[in-house]
Protein backbone atom coordinates (compact mmCIF):
# COMPACT_ATOMS: atom_id res chain seq x y z
CA UNK A 1 18.32 -23.94 -159.58
CA UNK A 2 15.00 -25.71 -159.16
CA UNK A 3 14.25 -29.34 -159.98
CA UNK A 4 10.67 -30.22 -160.91
CA UNK A 5 10.05 -33.95 -161.21
CA UNK A 6 7.55 -36.76 -161.41
CA UNK A 7 8.28 -40.45 -160.81
CA UNK A 8 6.05 -43.48 -161.28
CA UNK A 9 6.43 -45.68 -158.18
CA UNK A 10 5.31 -48.76 -160.15
CA UNK A 11 7.65 -48.52 -163.15
CA UNK A 12 10.32 -46.11 -161.95
CA UNK A 13 9.79 -43.94 -165.04
CA UNK A 14 10.70 -40.35 -164.24
CA UNK A 15 10.62 -36.98 -165.91
CA UNK A 16 12.25 -33.80 -164.74
CA UNK A 17 12.93 -30.19 -165.56
CA UNK A 18 15.70 -27.92 -164.29
CA UNK A 19 14.85 -24.25 -164.08
CA UNK A 20 16.45 -21.11 -162.63
CA UNK A 21 12.99 -19.98 -161.44
CA UNK A 22 9.92 -21.67 -160.05
CA UNK A 23 6.55 -20.20 -160.92
CA UNK A 24 3.33 -21.08 -162.75
CA UNK A 25 4.95 -20.65 -166.17
CA UNK A 26 7.67 -23.16 -165.24
CA UNK A 27 5.10 -25.62 -163.86
CA UNK A 28 3.03 -25.29 -167.05
CA UNK A 29 6.14 -26.07 -169.11
CA UNK A 30 6.81 -29.15 -167.01
CA UNK A 31 3.19 -30.35 -167.22
CA UNK A 32 3.25 -29.99 -171.00
CA UNK A 33 6.57 -31.84 -171.25
CA UNK A 34 5.41 -34.60 -168.90
CA UNK A 35 2.08 -34.97 -170.68
CA UNK A 36 3.90 -35.83 -173.91
CA UNK A 37 5.60 -38.83 -172.25
CA UNK A 38 2.35 -40.45 -171.09
CA UNK A 39 1.26 -43.26 -173.42
CA UNK A 40 -1.96 -42.67 -175.38
CA UNK A 41 -5.01 -43.77 -173.42
CA UNK A 42 -3.27 -43.53 -170.04
CA UNK A 43 -3.65 -40.94 -167.29
CA UNK A 44 -1.01 -39.82 -164.79
CA UNK A 45 -1.72 -38.64 -161.27
CA UNK A 46 0.59 -36.03 -159.76
CA UNK A 47 0.56 -35.68 -155.98
CA UNK A 48 1.83 -32.35 -154.76
CA UNK A 49 1.60 -29.73 -152.04
CA UNK A 50 -0.38 -26.49 -151.97
CA UNK A 51 2.37 -24.14 -153.16
CA UNK A 52 1.03 -21.08 -154.97
CA UNK A 53 2.28 -22.24 -158.36
CA UNK A 54 0.52 -25.60 -157.79
CA UNK A 55 -2.84 -23.96 -157.13
CA UNK A 56 -2.72 -21.02 -159.53
CA UNK A 57 -5.79 -20.33 -161.68
CA UNK A 58 -3.32 -19.91 -164.57
CA UNK A 59 -2.29 -23.59 -164.46
CA UNK A 60 -2.69 -25.33 -167.81
CA UNK A 61 -3.28 -28.97 -166.85
CA UNK A 62 -3.28 -31.40 -169.79
CA UNK A 63 -6.25 -33.76 -170.05
CA UNK A 64 -4.09 -36.83 -169.39
CA UNK A 65 -2.88 -35.55 -166.00
CA UNK A 66 -4.87 -35.49 -162.76
CA UNK A 67 -3.61 -33.34 -159.88
CA UNK A 68 -4.07 -34.37 -156.24
CA UNK A 69 -3.24 -31.80 -153.59
CA UNK A 70 -1.85 -33.01 -150.29
CA UNK A 71 -3.19 -31.68 -146.99
CA UNK A 72 -1.24 -28.78 -145.53
CA UNK A 73 1.95 -29.60 -143.61
CA UNK A 74 2.27 -33.17 -144.89
CA UNK A 75 5.53 -33.42 -146.88
CA UNK A 76 6.08 -36.99 -145.68
CA UNK A 77 3.09 -38.07 -147.79
CA UNK A 78 4.73 -36.85 -151.01
CA UNK A 79 6.91 -39.63 -152.46
CA UNK A 80 9.07 -37.23 -154.52
CA UNK A 81 10.35 -35.64 -151.28
CA UNK A 82 12.52 -38.74 -150.75
CA UNK A 83 14.47 -38.24 -153.99
């Protein structure tokens, strides 16, 4: 079982998705779900690593989400790793 999640460090608001598989389709589902929770006129920034499903050309990133890729081998910089 895989847990995909995003947490706002300022407000503590979090969203998550449980999935038996982890691939681009699953990530696209999560991004679409998460996008719907972002208030109108706001933008969310997701910080994540360079996993293949995070860098796929088939990613469907909603307009209200900005993706920031961490440098290689830097899991300590990703706040979600502590959850």
